[in-house]
Amino acid sequence: MDTGRRRSALSYIPGLANNAVLQLIIASGLSYVMLSLVWAVITLVYQDQGNFNQYILPNLAMPSTLLAFKAHWWTVVVYGWMQYPHAFFELLSNMVWLYCFGSVVQMLVGPKQIIPLFAYSLFFGGVAYVLALLLPGELGKTTAYLLGPRAGLMGMAAAAVTLTPQYRLYLTETFSIPLLVVAGVFTFLMIIGSGFYLPVIIVLLAGALTGFGYIKLLNAGYRPGQWMYQLTHKIASTVTPDEEALRRKNSAKRNEVLSKMYEPRNGVSQSRIDAILDKINQKGYNSLTAEEKETLMRVGKEK
């Protein structure tokens, strides 16, 4: 058994490598814990969460105005991977929905489509939110930061329904609920949770359309998420030592050392020397023949 290779702690979770839904859930949980720790430390130090809202939150969440977005444009990429630090039950419900719809998608198209589908839905949801801020008057108005994976969840739900609209979720051996009904309830709850702000509703719609389009591209033979895995593999191979190459290099060095150890010295092979030394250990020097003593003396004169 090879015990020399280093493994991360998460690699010991059964099935993690082939379960992208579980990977997303763990990543979401870890990001929530880290952001909550930052919030807790800042709140304890300053006895107020104002500094968190002023310096941390604007760099993670999509802002409520287009002017603020221009100064924090990167939030379109990161907003969906974070969750408000004091919204544990929202995180929990989001992960339940992710598992519900993501498991269906993963079962039908494989784990390698889950993370790209989720990421695309978040990104295009964020882009749609920025465009919605351009709407005139009250239509483009929202009063809160946009943070959380709503667009990704909508994309996953739409993808699951697009793949198998007749699918049923079995809660027991005899009781099941149609996937369309579950998706309908989920969409209704998302709209209620949007506060009926049009930009947030547009985010949900954009996420759903992205999930629908992603599955249609897959059915047409395209692989829109393949470049992500190729990029991560290239980065990983660049920063991670090639264990097989190191093993071959070390083997070559070992063979070189062994060959030098066993090459003849003054015409006497190493096996002959070992045999003489073993005889000395067992019977003493006086047991050697004249020829063996002469051989040992000849080897000893080697410089």
C-alpha atoms as a PDB file:
ATOM      1  CA  MET A   1       0.000   0.000   0.000  1.00  0.00           C
ATOM      2  CA  ASP A   2       1.296   3.431  -0.982  1.00  0.00           C
ATOM      3  CA  THR A   3       1.337   5.536   2.157  1.00  0.00           C
ATOM      4  CA  GLY A   4       3.706   8.149   0.808  1.00  0.00           C
ATOM      5  CA  ARG A   5       1.140  10.147  -1.120  1.00  0.00           C
ATOM      6  CA  ARG A   6      -0.444  13.050   0.706  1.00  0.00           C
ATOM      7  CA  ARG A   7      -4.217  13.234   0.811  1.00  0.00           C
ATOM      8  CA  SER A   8      -6.481  16.056   1.884  1.00  0.00           C
ATOM      9  CA  ALA A   9      -8.869  15.525   4.761  1.00  0.00           C
ATOM     10  CA  LEU A  10     -11.857  15.851   2.438  1.00  0.00           C
ATOM     11  CA  SER A  11     -10.572  12.997   0.256  1.00  0.00           C
ATOM     12  CA  TYR A  12     -11.546  10.561   3.012  1.00  0.00           C
ATOM     13  CA  ILE A  13     -15.262  11.400   2.632  1.00  0.00           C
ATOM     14  CA  PRO A  14     -16.813   8.390   0.830  1.00  0.00           C
ATOM     15  CA  GLY A  15     -17.823   9.154  -2.738  1.00  0.00           C
ATOM     16  CA  LEU A  16     -16.730  12.798  -2.628  1.00  0.00           C
ATOM     17  CA  ALA A  17     -14.534  12.596  -5.736  1.00  0.00           C
ATOM     18  CA  ASN A  18     -17.478  11.488  -7.884  1.00  0.00           C
ATOM     19  CA  ASN A  19     -20.206  13.537  -6.204  1.00  0.00           C
ATOM     20  CA  ALA A  20     -20.114  17.137  -7.395  1.00  0.00           C
ATOM     21  CA  VAL A  21     -23.352  17.962  -5.563  1.00  0.00           C
ATOM     22  CA  LEU A  22     -21.729  17.011  -2.268  1.00  0.00           C
ATOM     23  CA  GLN A  23     -18.659  19.041  -3.220  1.00  0.00           C
ATOM     24  CA  LEU A  24     -20.835  22.111  -3.770  1.00  0.00           C
ATOM     25  CA  ILE A  25     -22.611  21.596  -0.459  1.00  0.00           C
ATOM     26  CA  ILE A  26     -19.313  21.282   1.419  1.00  0.00           C
ATOM     27  CA  ALA A  27     -17.863  24.334  -0.375  1.00  0.00           C
ATOM     28  CA  SER A  28     -20.961  26.361   0.484  1.00  0.00           C
ATOM     29  CA  GLY A  29     -20.766  25.287   4.115  1.00  0.00           C
ATOM     30  CA  LEU A  30     -17.086  26.185   4.372  1.00  0.00           C
ATOM     31  CA  SER A  31     -17.598  29.616   2.784  1.00  0.00           C
ATOM     32  CA  TYR A  32     -20.463  30.267   5.192  1.00  0.00           C
ATOM     33  CA  VAL A  33     -18.301  29.317   8.190  1.00  0.00           C
ATOM     34  CA  MET A  34     -15.403  31.510   7.060  1.00  0.00           C
ATOM     35  CA  LEU A  35     -17.601  34.525   6.381  1.00  0.00           C
ATOM     36  CA  SER A  36     -19.388  34.022   9.697  1.00  0.00           C
ATOM     37  CA  LEU A  37     -16.054  33.985  11.516  1.00  0.00           C
ATOM     38  CA  VAL A  38     -15.044  37.239   9.832  1.00  0.00           C
ATOM     39  CA  TRP A  39     -18.381  38.785  10.776  1.00  0.00           C
ATOM     40  CA  ALA A  40     -18.091  37.552  14.379  1.00  0.00           C
ATOM     41  CA  VAL A  41     -14.532  38.861  14.831  1.00  0.00           C
ATOM     42  CA  ILE A  42     -15.336  42.278  13.372  1.00  0.00           C
ATOM     43  CA  THR A  43     -18.508  42.537  15.450  1.00  0.00           C
ATOM     44  CA  LEU A  44     -16.682  41.589  18.644  1.00  0.00           C
ATOM     45  CA  VAL A  45     -13.753  43.913  18.049  1.00  0.00           C
ATOM     46  CA  TYR A  46     -15.778  46.970  17.056  1.00  0.00           C
ATOM     47  CA  GLN A  47     -18.923  46.105  19.048  1.00  0.00           C
ATOM     48  CA  ASP A  48     -20.883  46.762  15.888  1.00  0.00           C
ATOM     49  CA  GLN A  49     -21.306  45.116  12.489  1.00  0.00           C
ATOM     50  CA  GLY A  50     -21.115  48.426  10.665  1.00  0.00           C
ATOM     51  CA  ASN A  51     -17.502  47.823   9.599  1.00  0.00           C
ATOM     52  CA  PHE A  52     -18.476  44.454   8.131  1.00  0.00           C
ATOM     53  CA  ASN A  53     -21.307  46.075   6.160  1.00  0.00           C
ATOM     54  CA  GLN A  54     -19.036  48.892   5.039  1.00  0.00           C
ATOM     55  CA  TYR A  55     -15.830  47.091   4.084  1.00  0.00           C
ATOM     56  CA  ILE A  56     -16.507  43.361   3.650  1.00  0.00           C
ATOM     57  CA  LEU A  57     -20.023  42.996   2.299  1.00  0.00           C
ATOM     58  CA  PRO A  58     -19.647  45.434  -0.652  1.00  0.00           C
ATOM     59  CA  ASN A  59     -16.713  43.375  -1.928  1.00  0.00           C
ATOM     60  CA  LEU A  60     -18.708  40.131  -1.935  1.00  0.00           C
ATOM     61  CA  ALA A  61     -22.343  40.978  -2.701  1.00  0.00           C
ATOM     62  CA  MET A  62     -23.953  42.540  -5.754  1.00  0.00           C
ATOM     63  CA  PRO A  63     -24.813  46.150  -4.844  1.00  0.00           C
ATOM     64  CA  SER A  64     -28.176  47.844  -5.194  1.00  0.00           C
ATOM     65  CA  THR A  65     -26.965  50.539  -7.592  1.00  0.00           C
ATOM     66  CA  LEU A  66     -25.119  50.492 -10.880  1.00  0.00           C
ATOM     67  CA  LEU A  67     -22.647  53.123  -9.680  1.00  0.00           C
ATOM     68  CA  ALA A  68     -21.605  50.907  -6.752  1.00  0.00           C
ATOM     69  CA  PHE A  69     -21.248  47.938  -9.077  1.00  0.00           C
ATOM     70  CA  LYS A  70     -18.761  49.793 -11.268  1.00  0.00           C
ATOM     71  CA  ALA A  71     -16.477  50.079  -8.226  1.00  0.00           C
ATOM     72  CA  HIS A  72     -16.983  46.403  -7.269  1.00  0.00           C
ATOM     73  CA  TRP A  73     -17.396  44.680 -10.648  1.00  0.00           C
ATOM     74  CA  TRP A  74     -15.873  41.384  -9.427  1.00  0.00           C
ATOM     75  CA  THR A  75     -18.913  40.726  -7.266  1.00  0.00           C
ATOM     76  CA  VAL A  76     -20.659  39.297 -10.334  1.00  0.00           C
ATOM     77  CA  VAL A  77     -18.359  36.295  -9.963  1.00  0.00           C
ATOM     78  CA  VAL A  78     -18.295  35.823  -6.180  1.00  0.00           C
ATOM     79  CA  TYR A  79     -21.759  36.840  -4.947  1.00  0.00           C
ATOM     80  CA  GLY A  80     -23.345  33.421  -5.502  1.00  0.00           C
ATOM     81  CA  TRP A  81     -20.736  31.483  -3.563  1.00  0.00           C
ATOM     82  CA  MET A  82     -21.395  33.326  -0.308  1.00  0.00           C
ATOM     83  CA  GLN A  83     -24.253  33.450   2.184  1.00  0.00           C
ATOM     84  CA  TYR A  84     -25.181  36.039   4.785  1.00  0.00           C
ATOM     85  CA  PRO A  85     -23.342  35.049   8.008  1.00  0.00           C
ATOM     86  CA  HIS A  86     -26.451  35.216  10.198  1.00  0.00           C
ATOM     87  CA  ALA A  87     -28.711  33.244   7.815  1.00  0.00           C
ATOM     88  CA  PHE A  88     -27.961  29.643   8.750  1.00  0.00           C
ATOM     89  CA  PHE A  89     -31.461  28.349   8.083  1.00  0.00           C
ATOM     90  CA  GLU A  90     -31.453  29.996   4.666  1.00  0.00           C
ATOM     91  CA  LEU A  91     -28.187  28.205   3.939  1.00  0.00           C
ATOM     92  CA  LEU A  92     -29.678  24.934   5.162  1.00  0.00           C
ATOM     93  CA  SER A  93     -32.765  25.258   2.973  1.00  0.00           C
ATOM     94  CA  ASN A  94     -30.629  26.211  -0.036  1.00  0.00           C
ATOM     95  CA  MET A  95     -28.503  23.107   0.406  1.00  0.00           C
ATOM     96  CA  VAL A  96     -31.600  20.917   0.653  1.00  0.00           C
ATOM     97  CA  TRP A  97     -32.871  22.323  -2.637  1.00  0.00           C
ATOM     98  CA  LEU A  98     -29.437  21.929  -4.201  1.00  0.00           C
ATOM     99  CA  TYR A  99     -29.316  18.299  -3.158  1.00  0.00           C
ATOM    100  CA  CYS A 100     -32.874  17.711  -4.357  1.00  0.00           C
ATOM    101  CA  PHE A 101     -32.401  19.021  -7.904  1.00  0.00           C
ATOM    102  CA  GLY A 102     -28.651  18.479  -8.210  1.00  0.00           C
ATOM    103  CA  SER A 103     -28.917  14.759  -7.458  1.00  0.00           C
ATOM    104  CA  VAL A 104     -31.379  14.339 -10.329  1.00  0.00           C
ATOM    105  CA  VAL A 105     -29.144  16.208 -12.766  1.00  0.00           C
ATOM    106  CA  GLN A 106     -26.027  14.357 -11.591  1.00  0.00           C
ATOM    107  CA  MET A 107     -27.742  10.996 -11.976  1.00  0.00           C
ATOM    108  CA  LEU A 108     -28.688  11.753 -15.590  1.00  0.00           C
ATOM    109  CA  VAL A 109     -25.705  13.676 -17.014  1.00  0.00           C
ATOM    110  CA  GLY A 110     -22.878  12.864 -14.583  1.00  0.00           C
ATOM    111  CA  PRO A 111     -20.982  14.798 -11.902  1.00  0.00           C
ATOM    112  CA  LYS A 112     -18.792  16.778 -14.310  1.00  0.00           C
ATOM    113  CA  GLN A 113     -21.739  18.899 -15.442  1.00  0.00           C
ATOM    114  CA  ILE A 114     -22.880  19.996 -11.976  1.00  0.00           C
ATOM    115  CA  ILE A 115     -20.294  22.633 -11.042  1.00  0.00           C
ATOM    116  CA  PRO A 116     -20.161  24.238 -14.529  1.00  0.00           C
ATOM    117  CA  LEU A 117     -23.976  24.386 -14.650  1.00  0.00           C
ATOM    118  CA  PHE A 118     -24.097  25.976 -11.199  1.00  0.00           C
ATOM    119  CA  ALA A 119     -21.321  28.458 -12.030  1.00  0.00           C
ATOM    120  CA  TYR A 120     -22.849  29.503 -15.360  1.00  0.00           C
ATOM    121  CA  SER A 121     -26.241  30.049 -13.710  1.00  0.00           C
ATOM    122  CA  LEU A 122     -24.689  32.250 -11.024  1.00  0.00           C
ATOM    123  CA  PHE A 123     -22.706  34.276 -13.545  1.00  0.00           C
ATOM    124  CA  PHE A 124     -25.513  34.942 -15.997  1.00  0.00           C
ATOM    125  CA  GLY A 125     -27.844  35.629 -13.085  1.00  0.00           C
ATOM    126  CA  GLY A 126     -25.395  38.288 -11.909  1.00  0.00           C
ATOM    127  CA  VAL A 127     -25.122  39.782 -15.395  1.00  0.00           C
ATOM    128  CA  ALA A 128     -28.912  39.912 -15.657  1.00  0.00           C
ATOM    129  CA  TYR A 129     -29.044  41.680 -12.280  1.00  0.00           C
ATOM    130  CA  VAL A 130     -26.662  44.380 -13.483  1.00  0.00           C
ATOM    131  CA  LEU A 131     -28.735  44.893 -16.633  1.00  0.00           C
ATOM    132  CA  ALA A 132     -31.907  45.054 -14.531  1.00  0.00           C
ATOM    133  CA  LEU A 133     -30.422  47.944 -12.562  1.00  0.00           C
ATOM    134  CA  LEU A 134     -30.607  49.946 -15.802  1.00  0.00           C
ATOM    135  CA  LEU A 135     -34.386  49.758 -15.820  1.00  0.00           C
ATOM    136  CA  PRO A 136     -35.982  53.187 -15.287  1.00  0.00           C
ATOM    137  CA  GLY A 137     -37.611  54.369 -12.099  1.00  0.00           C
ATOM    138  CA  GLU A 138     -38.939  51.881  -9.599  1.00  0.00           C
ATOM    139  CA  LEU A 139     -38.465  48.944 -12.007  1.00  0.00           C
ATOM    140  CA  GLY A 140     -34.691  48.884 -11.496  1.00  0.00           C
ATOM    141  CA  LYS A 141     -34.810  49.625  -7.800  1.00  0.00           C
ATOM    142  CA  THR A 142     -33.716  47.299  -5.027  1.00  0.00           C
ATOM    143  CA  THR A 143     -32.780  48.167  -1.459  1.00  0.00           C
ATOM    144  CA  ALA A 144     -30.510  45.324  -0.428  1.00  0.00           C
ATOM    145  CA  TYR A 145     -27.324  43.586  -1.462  1.00  0.00           C
ATOM    146  CA  LEU A 146     -27.699  40.428  -3.537  1.00  0.00           C
ATOM    147  CA  LEU A 147     -25.850  37.546  -1.902  1.00  0.00           C
ATOM    148  CA  GLY A 148     -26.452  33.822  -2.156  1.00  0.00           C
ATOM    149  CA  PRO A 149     -26.882  31.028  -4.718  1.00  0.00           C
ATOM    150  CA  ARG A 150     -30.471  31.714  -5.839  1.00  0.00           C
ATOM    151  CA  ALA A 151     -29.587  31.870  -9.530  1.00  0.00           C
ATOM    152  CA  GLY A 152     -27.560  28.651  -9.272  1.00  0.00           C
ATOM    153  CA  LEU A 153     -30.419  26.858  -7.533  1.00  0.00           C
ATOM    154  CA  MET A 154     -32.886  28.025 -10.180  1.00  0.00           C
ATOM    155  CA  GLY A 155     -30.512  26.833 -12.882  1.00  0.00           C
ATOM    156  CA  MET A 156     -30.259  23.415 -11.244  1.00  0.00           C
ATOM    157  CA  ALA A 157     -34.037  23.167 -10.877  1.00  0.00           C
ATOM    158  CA  ALA A 158     -34.629  24.133 -14.503  1.00  0.00           C
ATOM    159  CA  ALA A 159     -31.984  21.663 -15.661  1.00  0.00           C
ATOM    160  CA  ALA A 160     -33.598  18.822 -13.715  1.00  0.00           C
ATOM    161  CA  VAL A 161     -37.059  19.584 -15.127  1.00  0.00           C
ATOM    162  CA  THR A 162     -35.656  19.932 -18.661  1.00  0.00           C
ATOM    163  CA  LEU A 163     -33.925  16.565 -18.415  1.00  0.00           C
ATOM    164  CA  THR A 164     -36.822  14.594 -16.973  1.00  0.00           C
ATOM    165  CA  PRO A 165     -40.139  16.426 -16.564  1.00  0.00           C
ATOM    166  CA  GLN A 166     -41.910  13.170 -15.647  1.00  0.00           C
ATOM    167  CA  TYR A 167     -39.533  12.319 -12.807  1.00  0.00           C
ATOM    168  CA  ARG A 168     -40.983  11.670  -9.365  1.00  0.00           C
ATOM    169  CA  LEU A 169     -39.266  12.064  -6.012  1.00  0.00           C
ATOM    170  CA  TYR A 170     -40.063   9.063  -3.819  1.00  0.00           C
ATOM    171  CA  LEU A 171     -40.303   9.946  -0.156  1.00  0.00           C
ATOM    172  CA  THR A 172     -41.354   6.373   0.735  1.00  0.00           C
ATOM    173  CA  GLU A 173     -41.779   3.182  -1.270  1.00  0.00           C
ATOM    174  CA  THR A 174     -45.369   4.114  -2.117  1.00  0.00           C
ATOM    175  CA  PHE A 175     -45.508   7.917  -1.836  1.00  0.00           C
ATOM    176  CA  SER A 176     -43.874  10.185  -4.407  1.00  0.00           C
ATOM    177  CA  ILE A 177     -44.101  13.794  -5.584  1.00  0.00           C
ATOM    178  CA  PRO A 178     -43.724  14.870  -9.234  1.00  0.00           C
ATOM    179  CA  LEU A 179     -40.566  16.837  -9.871  1.00  0.00           C
ATOM    180  CA  LEU A 180     -42.590  19.540 -11.613  1.00  0.00           C
ATOM    181  CA  VAL A 181     -44.596  20.100  -8.427  1.00  0.00           C
ATOM    182  CA  VAL A 182     -41.423  20.350  -6.327  1.00  0.00           C
ATOM    183  CA  ALA A 183     -39.889  22.787  -8.820  1.00  0.00           C
ATOM    184  CA  GLY A 184     -43.082  24.845  -8.803  1.00  0.00           C
ATOM    185  CA  VAL A 185     -43.106  25.099  -5.006  1.00  0.00           C
ATOM    186  CA  PHE A 186     -39.429  25.999  -5.012  1.00  0.00           C
ATOM    187  CA  THR A 187     -39.930  28.734  -7.633  1.00  0.00           C
ATOM    188  CA  PHE A 188     -42.845  30.179  -5.677  1.00  0.00           C
ATOM    189  CA  LEU A 189     -40.757  30.337  -2.503  1.00  0.00           C
ATOM    190  CA  MET A 190     -37.884  31.982  -4.392  1.00  0.00           C
ATOM    191  CA  ILE A 191     -40.200  34.664  -5.752  1.00  0.00           C
ATOM    192  CA  ILE A 192     -41.655  35.288  -2.294  1.00  0.00           C
ATOM    193  CA  GLY A 193     -38.107  35.560  -0.902  1.00  0.00           C
ATOM    194  CA  SER A 194     -37.147  38.087  -3.605  1.00  0.00           C
ATOM    195  CA  GLY A 195     -39.219  40.780  -1.939  1.00  0.00           C
ATOM    196  CA  PHE A 196     -40.876  41.193  -5.353  1.00  0.00           C
ATOM    197  CA  TYR A 197     -38.014  43.397  -6.504  1.00  0.00           C
ATOM    198  CA  LEU A 198     -37.871  43.101 -10.276  1.00  0.00           C
ATOM    199  CA  PRO A 199     -34.030  42.900 -10.503  1.00  0.00           C
ATOM    200  CA  VAL A 200     -34.022  39.929  -8.102  1.00  0.00           C
ATOM    201  CA  ILE A 201     -36.838  38.218 -10.012  1.00  0.00           C
ATOM    202  CA  ILE A 202     -34.842  38.735 -13.217  1.00  0.00           C
ATOM    203  CA  VAL A 203     -31.887  37.021 -11.519  1.00  0.00           C
ATOM    204  CA  LEU A 204     -34.074  33.985 -10.851  1.00  0.00           C
ATOM    205  CA  LEU A 205     -35.340  33.969 -14.429  1.00  0.00           C
ATOM    206  CA  ALA A 206     -31.823  34.266 -15.841  1.00  0.00           C
ATOM    207  CA  GLY A 207     -30.632  31.366 -13.690  1.00  0.00           C
ATOM    208  CA  ALA A 208     -33.528  29.184 -14.864  1.00  0.00           C
ATOM    209  CA  LEU A 209     -32.920  30.063 -18.527  1.00  0.00           C
ATOM    210  CA  THR A 210     -29.218  29.255 -18.098  1.00  0.00           C
ATOM    211  CA  GLY A 211     -30.038  25.813 -16.687  1.00  0.00           C
ATOM    212  CA  PHE A 212     -32.473  25.167 -19.544  1.00  0.00           C
ATOM    213  CA  GLY A 213     -29.957  26.308 -22.163  1.00  0.00           C
ATOM    214  CA  TYR A 214     -27.124  24.294 -20.614  1.00  0.00           C
ATOM    215  CA  ILE A 215     -29.083  21.049 -20.910  1.00  0.00           C
ATOM    216  CA  LYS A 216     -30.101  21.864 -24.479  1.00  0.00           C
ATOM    217  CA  LEU A 217     -26.433  22.380 -25.368  1.00  0.00           C
ATOM    218  CA  LEU A 218     -25.555  19.044 -23.777  1.00  0.00           C
ATOM    219  CA  ASN A 219     -28.282  17.303 -25.756  1.00  0.00           C
ATOM    220  CA  ALA A 220     -26.900  18.903 -28.930  1.00  0.00           C
ATOM    221  CA  GLY A 221     -23.489  17.381 -28.260  1.00  0.00           C
ATOM    222  CA  TYR A 222     -21.707  20.410 -26.821  1.00  0.00           C
ATOM    223  CA  ARG A 223     -19.733  20.376 -23.556  1.00  0.00           C
ATOM    224  CA  PRO A 224     -19.913  23.948 -22.215  1.00  0.00           C
ATOM    225  CA  GLY A 225     -18.247  23.031 -18.929  1.00  0.00           C
ATOM    226  CA  GLN A 226     -15.305  21.067 -20.272  1.00  0.00           C
ATOM    227  CA  TRP A 227     -12.939  24.043 -20.360  1.00  0.00           C
ATOM    228  CA  MET A 228     -13.323  24.499 -16.575  1.00  0.00           C
ATOM    229  CA  TYR A 229     -11.992  21.032 -15.833  1.00  0.00           C
ATOM    230  CA  GLN A 230      -9.215  21.412 -18.389  1.00  0.00           C
ATOM    231  CA  LEU A 231      -8.156  24.698 -16.798  1.00  0.00           C
ATOM    232  CA  THR A 232      -8.230  23.358 -13.225  1.00  0.00           C
ATOM    233  CA  HIS A 233      -6.312  20.254 -14.321  1.00  0.00           C
ATOM    234  CA  LYS A 234      -3.656  22.415 -15.984  1.00  0.00           C
ATOM    235  CA  ILE A 235      -3.302  24.608 -12.904  1.00  0.00           C
ATOM    236  CA  ALA A 236      -3.144  21.576 -10.622  1.00  0.00           C
ATOM    237  CA  SER A 237      -0.485  19.890 -12.755  1.00  0.00           C
ATOM    238  CA  THR A 238       1.568  23.102 -12.721  1.00  0.00           C
ATOM    239  CA  VAL A 239       1.636  23.585  -8.949  1.00  0.00           C
ATOM    240  CA  THR A 240       1.551  19.889  -7.937  1.00  0.00           C
ATOM    241  CA  PRO A 241       4.699  17.748  -8.341  1.00  0.00           C
ATOM    242  CA  ASP A 242       4.417  14.866 -10.812  1.00  0.00           C
ATOM    243  CA  GLU A 243       4.616  11.926  -8.400  1.00  0.00           C
ATOM    244  CA  GLU A 244       5.232   9.412 -11.169  1.00  0.00           C
ATOM    245  CA  ALA A 245       8.146  11.444 -12.581  1.00  0.00           C
ATOM    246  CA  LEU A 246       9.642  11.815  -9.092  1.00  0.00           C
ATOM    247  CA  ARG A 247       9.276   8.080  -8.529  1.00  0.00           C
ATOM    248  CA  ARG A 248      11.080   7.308 -11.806  1.00  0.00           C
ATOM    249  CA  LYS A 249      13.830   9.799 -10.957  1.00  0.00           C
ATOM    250  CA  ASN A 250      14.339   8.325  -7.493  1.00  0.00           C
ATOM    251  CA  SER A 251      14.355   4.810  -8.920  1.00  0.00           C
ATOM    252  CA  ALA A 252      17.020   5.802 -11.422  1.00  0.00           C
ATOM    253  CA  LYS A 253      19.188   7.251  -8.643  1.00  0.00           C
ATOM    254  CA  ARG A 254      18.717   4.144  -6.515  1.00  0.00           C
ATOM    255  CA  ASN A 255      19.668   1.854  -9.402  1.00  0.00           C
ATOM    256  CA  GLU A 256      22.744   3.976 -10.059  1.00  0.00           C
ATOM    257  CA  VAL A 257      23.859   3.671  -6.423  1.00  0.00           C
ATOM    258  CA  LEU A 258      23.213  -0.079  -6.386  1.00  0.00           C
ATOM    259  CA  SER A 259      25.133  -0.597  -9.607  1.00  0.00           C
ATOM    260  CA  LYS A 260      28.123   1.214  -8.140  1.00  0.00           C
ATOM    261  CA  MET A 261      27.912  -0.860  -4.988  1.00  0.00           C
ATOM    262  CA  TYR A 262      28.008  -4.112  -6.886  1.00  0.00           C
ATOM    263  CA  GLU A 263      30.458  -3.321  -9.662  1.00  0.00           C
ATOM    264  CA  PRO A 264      33.746  -5.322  -9.381  1.00  0.00           C
ATOM    265  CA  ARG A 265      36.534  -3.765  -7.368  1.00  0.00           C
ATOM    266  CA  ASN A 266      40.089  -4.823  -8.379  1.00  0.00           C
ATOM    267  CA  GLY A 267      38.529  -7.665 -10.315  1.00  0.00           C
ATOM    268  CA  VAL A 268      36.532  -8.982  -7.314  1.00  0.00           C
ATOM    269  CA  SER A 269      32.751  -8.934  -7.377  1.00  0.00           C
ATOM    270  CA  GLN A 270      30.700  -7.659  -4.438  1.00  0.00           C
ATOM    271  CA  SER A 271      29.090 -11.071  -3.983  1.00  0.00           C
ATOM    272  CA  ARG A 272      32.540 -12.650  -3.562  1.00  0.00           C
ATOM    273  CA  ILE A 273      33.461 -10.001  -0.950  1.00  0.00           C
ATOM    274  CA  ASP A 274      30.194 -10.587   0.908  1.00  0.00           C
ATOM    275  CA  ALA A 275      30.808 -14.330   0.971  1.00  0.00           C
ATOM    276  CA  ILE A 276      34.265 -13.848   2.518  1.00  0.00           C
ATOM    277  CA  LEU A 277      32.947 -11.393   5.113  1.00  0.00           C
ATOM    278  CA  ASP A 278      30.138 -13.791   6.039  1.00  0.00           C
ATOM    279  CA  LYS A 279      32.680 -16.551   6.540  1.00  0.00           C
ATOM    280  CA  ILE A 280      34.707 -14.313   8.863  1.00  0.00           C
ATOM    281  CA  ASN A 281      31.585 -13.497  10.870  1.00  0.00           C
ATOM    282  CA  GLN A 282      30.681 -17.155  11.228  1.00  0.00           C
ATOM    283  CA  LYS A 283      34.071 -18.888  11.652  1.00  0.00           C
ATOM    284  CA  GLY A 284      36.647 -16.156  12.198  1.00  0.00           C
ATOM    285  CA  TYR A 285      39.490 -14.794  10.126  1.00  0.00           C
ATOM    286  CA  ASN A 286      41.692 -17.854  10.634  1.00  0.00           C
ATOM    287  CA  SER A 287      39.173 -19.994   8.761  1.00  0.00           C
ATOM    288  CA  LEU A 288      39.958 -18.216   5.492  1.00  0.00           C
ATOM    289  CA  THR A 289      42.051 -19.918   2.874  1.00  0.00           C
ATOM    290  CA  ALA A 290      45.224 -18.294   1.516  1.00  0.00           C
ATOM    291  CA  GLU A 291      43.391 -17.397  -1.683  1.00  0.00           C
ATOM    292  CA  GLU A 292      40.535 -15.752   0.294  1.00  0.00           C
ATOM    293  CA  LYS A 293      42.992 -13.777   2.431  1.00  0.00           C
ATOM    294  CA  GLU A 294      44.823 -12.624  -0.669  1.00  0.00           C
ATOM    295  CA  THR A 295      41.508 -11.568  -2.284  1.00  0.00           C
ATOM    296  CA  LEU A 296      40.519  -9.606   0.796  1.00  0.00           C
ATOM    297  CA  MET A 297      43.914  -7.866   0.914  1.00  0.00           C
ATOM    298  CA  ARG A 298      43.650  -6.947  -2.778  1.00  0.00           C
ATOM    299  CA  VAL A 299      40.243  -5.357  -2.298  1.00  0.00           C
ATOM    300  CA  GLY A 300      41.471  -3.471   0.766  1.00  0.00           C
ATOM    301  CA  LYS A 301      44.211  -1.810  -1.233  1.00  0.00           C
ATOM    302  CA  GLU A 302      41.614  -0.090  -3.465  1.00  0.00           C
ATOM    303  CA  LYS A 303      41.573   3.679  -3.002  1.00  0.00           C
END
